[in-house]
Amino acid sequence: MTTMEDEHDSQTWQELLRQLTENPKERKRIASLANVQQITLSRWSKGTSMPNVEKMRSLLKAIPQPSFHTFMQLISVDFPTLFLEHTESQSMPSEPALELPLEFCMYVLKAYATTLPHLCPQVLQDLVLQHMINHFDPDRPELSIRVLQCLWHQAENKVRSLQVVQGIARSPWSRNLDQRTILFGAESLAGMAVMRCRLTGASKRAQDSLLNPLNWVEHEQNALAYPLMRHARIAGCLLITSTHPDAFGSAHRKLIEQYAHLMALAFGPDAFFDLKDIALCVMPPYYRQEPLFSQFHQRALQKAQRQSLTMSEAQECVWQEIEEELIQMVVTEC
């Protein structure tokens, strides 16, 4: 029987398939459901032959539930657009399909229903971001996508900024944007989308200052933002940016709304706030924030030791301290 440790040790989907089909009875079951011969499974697991997209779709239906999510993550290396190859777009090459593939939506819902609570946020965010960056604009790969979460300030009983909790990107940005700590506020497109509670877009070269956010992160030329909502309450924002000034059209606007609705599933009930409780402040540009966040881990460790706090409690305190310092930085410069 394949254990959880075995799955984590699997470096490829072929290795995991080999583990899953070691038992003759299980190998027969998977072959039957996938509508292939057992020898075909053996060839796939050994890497001597490769299934086409349709065969991989059939194989997915036969993978046992405990191994399903791991298998999906592993096959994304060889089949990065698995759910997109079925979808025919009637628009121009630079315009993606207008709708999310139904199979992908069903897969996200299955992950939401079957993933353990403490793993669910990360799993869902990874799934949606990976699919989104492949789907959104295959002809213009210079994209960045961020998931921003409302940062609640207990003393103020308000949300005063948005915190980047997850991200994915392609050149010229680094792939893992969540490693680049930054707070967004009322000066940002994401902040505008949250405060307006609707889709908001902008181009850096726009002449109208009311539509042009005050702060742009390096390389950004065009952006779309959509709030993450549940029952008219807000948990944060889904933000996508491009290096191209005219990257996003009407199809992209429809897509980001659909992806934002899926992304909202990654957040628990406590992450959502009434609009009246969201009072975003203006945050300084990233280059002004970076020196403070470079000390984040050291500050959190010292606070945990001095005040006998857990690391999680100490980090929350430091987040709020840095947020206040950034707010005051803007106030004193006005």
Protein backbone atom coordinates (compact mmCIF):
# COMPACT_ATOMS: atom_id res chain seq x y z
CA MET A 1 0.00 0.00 0.00
CA THR A 2 1.25 3.47 -0.89
CA THR A 3 1.82 5.67 2.16
CA MET A 4 1.82 9.45 2.45
CA GLU A 5 5.60 9.39 2.87
CA ASP A 6 5.92 7.40 -0.36
CA GLU A 7 3.90 10.00 -2.22
CA HIS A 8 6.01 12.88 -0.90
CA ASP A 9 9.14 10.96 -1.98
CA SER A 10 7.76 10.60 -5.53
CA GLN A 11 9.56 13.02 -7.80
CA THR A 12 7.48 12.29 -10.92
CA TRP A 13 3.96 11.12 -11.69
CA GLN A 14 5.50 8.00 -13.25
CA GLU A 15 7.05 7.02 -9.91
CA LEU A 16 3.76 7.56 -8.09
CA LEU A 17 1.89 5.54 -10.73
CA ARG A 18 4.42 2.73 -10.27
CA GLN A 19 3.75 2.73 -6.52
CA LEU A 20 -0.01 2.77 -7.03
CA THR A 21 0.08 -0.19 -9.43
CA GLU A 22 2.43 -2.45 -7.46
CA ASN A 23 -0.56 -4.37 -6.14
CA PRO A 24 -1.93 -6.59 -8.99
CA LYS A 25 -5.54 -6.09 -7.92
CA GLU A 26 -5.15 -2.30 -7.82
CA ARG A 27 -3.29 -2.32 -11.14
CA LYS A 28 -6.19 -4.20 -12.72
CA ARG A 29 -8.71 -1.76 -11.25
CA ILE A 30 -6.85 1.33 -12.49
CA ALA A 31 -6.35 -0.17 -15.96
CA SER A 32 -10.04 -1.01 -16.22
CA LEU A 33 -11.22 2.46 -15.17
CA ALA A 34 -8.67 4.16 -17.41
CA ASN A 35 -9.70 1.90 -20.32
CA VAL A 36 -6.14 0.77 -21.06
CA GLN A 37 -4.19 -2.48 -20.85
CA GLN A 38 -2.16 -3.25 -17.72
CA ILE A 39 0.99 -3.38 -19.84
CA THR A 40 0.25 0.21 -20.91
CA LEU A 41 0.26 1.32 -17.28
CA SER A 42 3.60 -0.42 -16.84
CA ARG A 43 5.06 1.38 -19.86
CA TRP A 44 3.81 4.73 -18.62
CA SER A 45 5.22 4.17 -15.13
CA LYS A 46 8.60 3.19 -16.59
CA GLY A 47 8.64 6.17 -18.92
CA THR A 48 8.98 4.05 -22.07
CA SER A 49 5.80 5.60 -23.47
CA MET A 50 3.74 8.70 -22.71
CA PRO A 51 -0.06 9.01 -22.61
CA ASN A 52 -1.73 11.67 -24.69
CA VAL A 53 -3.99 14.26 -23.04
CA GLU A 54 -7.16 12.19 -23.48
CA LYS A 55 -5.53 9.10 -21.99
CA MET A 56 -4.26 11.16 -19.06
CA ARG A 57 -7.79 12.46 -18.46
CA SER A 58 -9.01 8.85 -18.33
CA LEU A 59 -6.17 7.85 -16.02
CA LEU A 60 -7.04 10.69 -13.62
CA LYS A 61 -10.50 9.21 -13.13
CA ALA A 62 -8.91 5.98 -11.88
CA ILE A 63 -6.43 7.48 -9.39
CA PRO A 64 -7.56 6.73 -5.80
CA GLN A 65 -8.72 9.77 -3.86
CA PRO A 66 -5.92 9.85 -1.22
CA SER A 67 -3.33 10.16 -4.01
CA PHE A 68 -5.33 12.33 -6.38
CA HIS A 69 -4.04 15.80 -5.35
CA THR A 70 -0.39 14.68 -5.30
CA PHE A 71 -0.77 13.03 -8.69
CA MET A 72 -2.30 16.19 -10.15
CA GLN A 73 0.58 18.33 -8.91
CA LEU A 74 3.13 15.92 -10.39
CA ILE A 75 1.53 15.66 -13.84
CA SER A 76 1.42 19.46 -14.14
CA VAL A 77 5.11 19.26 -15.13
CA ASP A 78 4.37 17.25 -18.30
CA PHE A 79 0.77 18.43 -18.79
CA PRO A 80 0.72 22.12 -17.71
CA THR A 81 -2.37 22.92 -19.80
CA LEU A 82 -4.28 19.69 -19.20
CA PHE A 83 -7.60 21.39 -18.64
CA LEU A 84 -7.19 23.86 -21.46
CA GLU A 85 -6.57 21.61 -24.44
CA HIS A 86 -10.26 20.72 -24.63
CA THR A 87 -11.32 24.36 -24.79
CA GLU A 88 -11.56 26.02 -28.18
CA SER A 89 -11.33 29.78 -28.24
CA GLN A 90 -13.20 31.70 -30.92
CA SER A 91 -11.32 34.92 -30.17
CA MET A 92 -7.99 36.31 -31.29
CA PRO A 93 -4.82 34.41 -30.22
CA SER A 94 -4.10 36.98 -27.47
CA GLU A 95 -7.59 36.52 -25.99
CA PRO A 96 -8.04 33.49 -23.72
CA ALA A 97 -11.18 31.34 -23.63
CA LEU A 98 -14.05 33.24 -22.03
CA GLU A 99 -14.99 30.50 -19.59
CA LEU A 100 -13.13 28.35 -17.12
CA PRO A 101 -13.10 24.70 -18.20
CA LEU A 102 -15.81 22.82 -16.29
CA GLU A 103 -13.38 20.02 -15.47
CA PHE A 104 -11.07 22.42 -13.66
CA CYS A 105 -13.94 23.93 -11.66
CA MET A 106 -15.05 20.45 -10.62
CA TYR A 107 -11.49 19.57 -9.64
CA VAL A 108 -11.19 22.66 -7.41
CA LEU A 109 -14.54 21.85 -5.78
CA LYS A 110 -13.35 18.30 -5.14
CA ALA A 111 -10.14 19.59 -3.56
CA TYR A 112 -12.20 21.98 -1.42
CA ALA A 113 -14.41 19.11 -0.23
CA THR A 114 -11.70 16.52 0.45
CA THR A 115 -8.58 18.42 1.60
CA LEU A 116 -7.84 18.66 5.32
CA PRO A 117 -8.71 22.10 6.76
CA HIS A 118 -5.15 23.16 7.59
CA LEU A 119 -3.95 22.24 4.09
CA CYS A 120 -6.91 23.57 2.14
CA PRO A 121 -5.88 27.24 1.77
CA GLN A 122 -2.45 26.43 0.34
CA VAL A 123 -3.74 23.65 -1.92
CA LEU A 124 -6.54 25.75 -3.41
CA GLN A 125 -4.36 28.82 -3.88
CA ASP A 126 -1.70 26.76 -5.66
CA LEU A 127 -4.25 25.09 -7.92
CA VAL A 128 -5.98 28.29 -8.96
CA LEU A 129 -2.78 30.29 -9.48
CA GLN A 130 -1.09 27.60 -11.57
CA HIS A 131 -4.13 27.16 -13.80
CA MET A 132 -4.72 30.89 -14.06
CA ILE A 133 -1.23 31.81 -15.23
CA ASN A 134 -1.36 29.10 -17.93
CA HIS A 135 -4.84 30.12 -19.04
CA PHE A 136 -4.78 33.88 -18.84
CA ASP A 137 -2.56 34.80 -21.74
CA PRO A 138 -0.38 32.09 -23.29
CA ASP A 139 0.86 34.47 -26.01
CA ARG A 140 2.16 37.02 -23.49
CA PRO A 141 3.83 35.13 -20.65
CA GLU A 142 5.12 38.18 -18.77
CA LEU A 143 2.49 37.99 -16.03
CA SER A 144 2.40 38.22 -12.25
CA ILE A 145 -0.53 37.16 -10.08
CA ARG A 146 -0.89 37.94 -6.38
CA VAL A 147 -3.37 36.89 -3.73
CA LEU A 148 -3.83 39.66 -1.17
CA GLN A 149 -5.54 39.18 2.19
CA CYS A 150 -7.10 41.78 4.46
CA LEU A 151 -4.79 42.50 7.43
CA TRP A 152 -7.00 42.98 10.49
CA HIS A 153 -5.79 45.41 13.16
CA GLN A 154 -7.27 44.35 16.49
CA ALA A 155 -6.71 47.61 18.33
CA GLU A 156 -8.27 49.70 15.56
CA ASN A 157 -10.95 47.11 14.71
CA LYS A 158 -10.27 47.88 11.07
CA VAL A 159 -8.59 46.50 7.99
CA ARG A 160 -5.93 49.09 7.14
CA SER A 161 -3.90 47.27 4.50
CA LEU A 162 -3.74 44.22 2.23
CA GLN A 163 -1.04 41.61 2.74
CA VAL A 164 0.41 39.48 -0.09
CA VAL A 165 -0.03 35.84 1.01
CA GLN A 166 0.60 33.98 -2.24
CA GLY A 167 1.80 34.68 -5.74
CA ILE A 168 3.10 33.30 -9.00
CA ALA A 169 4.90 34.96 -11.88
CA ARG A 170 7.00 34.59 -14.97
CA SER A 171 9.98 36.59 -16.16
CA PRO A 172 10.93 39.35 -15.47
CA TRP A 173 9.58 38.67 -11.96
CA SER A 174 10.72 35.85 -9.70
CA ARG A 175 8.35 32.85 -9.77
CA ASN A 176 7.33 32.90 -6.09
CA LEU A 177 5.97 36.38 -5.46
CA ASP A 178 4.75 35.46 -1.96
CA GLN A 179 8.41 35.58 -0.90
CA ARG A 180 8.45 39.31 -1.66
CA THR A 181 6.74 40.82 1.36
CA ILE A 182 4.72 43.97 0.70
CA LEU A 183 1.61 45.74 1.95
CA PHE A 184 -0.88 47.36 -0.41
CA GLY A 185 -3.21 50.16 0.63
CA ALA A 186 -5.55 52.82 -0.72
CA GLU A 187 -2.90 53.96 -3.20
CA SER A 188 -2.93 50.64 -5.07
CA LEU A 189 -5.21 49.13 -7.70
CA ALA A 190 -5.90 46.22 -5.35
CA GLY A 191 -6.94 48.66 -2.64
CA MET A 192 -9.26 50.46 -5.05
CA ALA A 193 -10.91 47.17 -6.07
CA VAL A 194 -11.50 46.24 -2.43
CA MET A 195 -12.88 49.65 -1.42
CA ARG A 196 -15.11 49.83 -4.50
CA CYS A 197 -16.06 46.16 -4.11
CA ARG A 198 -15.79 45.57 -7.86
CA LEU A 199 -13.43 44.85 -10.74
CA THR A 200 -10.88 47.61 -11.28
CA GLY A 201 -8.32 47.95 -14.07
CA ALA A 202 -5.61 50.43 -15.01
CA SER A 203 -2.74 51.08 -17.38
CA LYS A 204 0.40 52.83 -16.21
CA ARG A 205 0.36 55.12 -19.21
CA ALA A 206 -3.23 56.21 -18.55
CA GLN A 207 -3.56 59.98 -18.41
CA ASP A 208 -6.50 60.06 -16.01
CA SER A 209 -5.00 60.10 -12.51
CA LEU A 210 -8.30 58.87 -11.02
CA LEU A 211 -7.87 55.59 -12.89
CA ASN A 212 -4.13 55.38 -12.49
CA PRO A 213 -2.92 53.94 -9.14
CA LEU A 214 -0.31 56.01 -7.37
CA ASN A 215 2.14 53.17 -6.81
CA TRP A 216 3.27 50.60 -9.35
CA VAL A 217 5.61 47.71 -8.59
CA GLU A 218 8.65 47.28 -10.84
CA HIS A 219 7.92 46.14 -14.43
CA GLU A 220 4.13 46.60 -14.11
CA GLN A 221 2.40 48.35 -17.01
CA ASN A 222 -1.17 46.99 -16.94
CA ALA A 223 -3.24 45.50 -14.12
CA LEU A 224 -6.62 44.04 -13.17
CA ALA A 225 -7.89 43.51 -9.63
CA TYR A 226 -11.00 41.79 -8.33
CA PRO A 227 -12.10 41.50 -4.66
CA LEU A 228 -12.37 38.09 -3.00
CA MET A 229 -15.94 37.99 -1.69
CA ARG A 230 -18.39 35.76 0.13
CA HIS A 231 -21.89 36.87 1.12
CA ALA A 232 -20.95 40.45 0.19
CA ARG A 233 -18.04 40.38 2.65
CA ILE A 234 -14.42 40.77 1.54
CA ALA A 235 -11.31 38.71 2.34
CA GLY A 236 -8.86 40.41 0.03
CA CYS A 237 -8.11 40.73 -3.66
CA LEU A 238 -6.85 38.84 -6.70
CA LEU A 239 -4.37 41.01 -8.63
CA ILE A 240 -2.86 40.27 -12.04
CA THR A 241 -0.30 42.50 -13.76
CA SER A 242 1.59 42.47 -17.05
CA THR A 243 4.60 44.15 -18.59
CA HIS A 244 2.45 45.03 -21.63
CA PRO A 245 0.43 48.29 -21.46
CA ASP A 246 -2.51 46.81 -23.40
CA ALA A 247 -2.37 43.26 -22.14
CA PHE A 248 -5.89 42.84 -20.78
CA GLY A 249 -9.11 42.93 -22.77
CA SER A 250 -12.76 42.11 -22.07
CA ALA A 251 -12.09 38.36 -21.95
CA HIS A 252 -9.51 38.86 -19.21
CA ARG A 253 -11.96 40.95 -17.17
CA LYS A 254 -14.50 38.15 -17.26
CA LEU A 255 -11.87 35.54 -16.39
CA ILE A 256 -10.45 37.29 -13.35
CA GLU A 257 -13.95 37.47 -11.87
CA GLN A 258 -14.40 33.73 -12.32
CA TYR A 259 -10.98 32.94 -10.86
CA ALA A 260 -11.62 35.28 -7.92
CA HIS A 261 -14.80 33.38 -7.05
CA LEU A 262 -12.81 30.12 -7.01
CA MET A 263 -9.96 31.70 -5.03
CA ALA A 264 -12.42 32.87 -2.35
CA LEU A 265 -12.93 29.19 -1.44
CA ALA A 266 -9.36 29.18 -0.06
CA PHE A 267 -10.34 31.50 2.82
CA GLY A 268 -12.19 30.59 6.00
CA PRO A 269 -15.20 32.53 7.33
CA ASP A 270 -13.05 34.58 9.76
CA ALA A 271 -11.05 36.03 6.87
CA PHE A 272 -14.01 37.97 5.47
CA PHE A 273 -14.96 41.48 6.64
CA ASP A 274 -17.82 43.89 6.10
CA LEU A 275 -17.02 46.77 3.81
CA LYS A 276 -17.68 49.23 6.66
CA ASP A 277 -14.78 47.66 8.57
CA ILE A 278 -12.30 48.21 5.74
CA ALA A 279 -10.51 51.57 5.95
CA LEU A 280 -7.36 51.22 3.89
CA CYS A 281 -4.53 53.65 4.52
CA VAL A 282 -1.96 54.83 2.00
CA MET A 283 1.18 52.68 1.92
CA PRO A 284 4.61 53.88 0.72
CA PRO A 285 6.23 52.42 -2.42
CA TYR A 286 7.83 48.99 -2.23
CA TYR A 287 11.41 50.30 -2.04
CA ARG A 288 10.45 52.19 1.13
CA GLN A 289 8.86 49.09 2.66
CA GLU A 290 11.67 46.68 1.91
CA PRO A 291 14.09 47.78 4.68
CA LEU A 292 11.44 47.17 7.35
CA PHE A 293 10.44 43.76 6.03
CA SER A 294 14.05 42.65 5.75
CA GLN A 295 14.09 42.71 9.59
CA PHE A 296 10.76 40.89 9.94
CA HIS A 297 11.96 37.45 11.03
CA GLN A 298 14.54 38.86 13.44
CA ARG A 299 11.93 41.12 15.04
CA ALA A 300 9.42 38.29 15.33
CA LEU A 301 11.97 35.99 16.95
CA GLN A 302 13.00 38.63 19.49
CA LYS A 303 9.38 39.42 20.34
CA ALA A 304 8.55 35.75 20.82
CA GLN A 305 11.49 35.33 23.22
CA ARG A 306 10.95 38.52 25.20
CA GLN A 307 7.17 38.23 25.57
CA SER A 308 6.88 34.42 25.73
CA LEU A 309 4.72 34.34 22.60
CA THR A 310 4.33 31.63 20.02
CA MET A 311 6.05 32.39 16.73
CA SER A 312 2.65 32.84 15.08
CA GLU A 313 1.56 35.35 17.74
CA ALA A 314 4.86 37.22 17.49
CA GLN A 315 4.63 37.43 13.70
CA GLU A 316 1.11 38.84 13.91
CA CYS A 317 2.31 41.53 16.30
CA VAL A 318 5.23 42.45 14.06
CA TRP A 319 2.96 42.66 11.02
CA GLN A 320 0.83 45.23 12.83
CA GLU A 321 3.87 47.13 14.07
CA ILE A 322 5.34 47.40 10.58
CA GLU A 323 1.95 48.37 9.17
CA GLU A 324 1.75 51.24 11.69
CA GLU A 325 5.31 52.32 10.89
CA LEU A 326 4.50 52.42 7.17
CA ILE A 327 1.34 54.44 7.79
CA GLN A 328 3.27 56.95 9.89
CA MET A 329 5.99 57.11 7.26
CA VAL A 330 3.44 58.40 4.75
CA VAL A 331 1.77 60.74 7.28
CA THR A 332 5.02 62.44 8.28
CA GLU A 333 5.98 63.02 4.64
CA CYS A 334 2.70 64.73 3.75
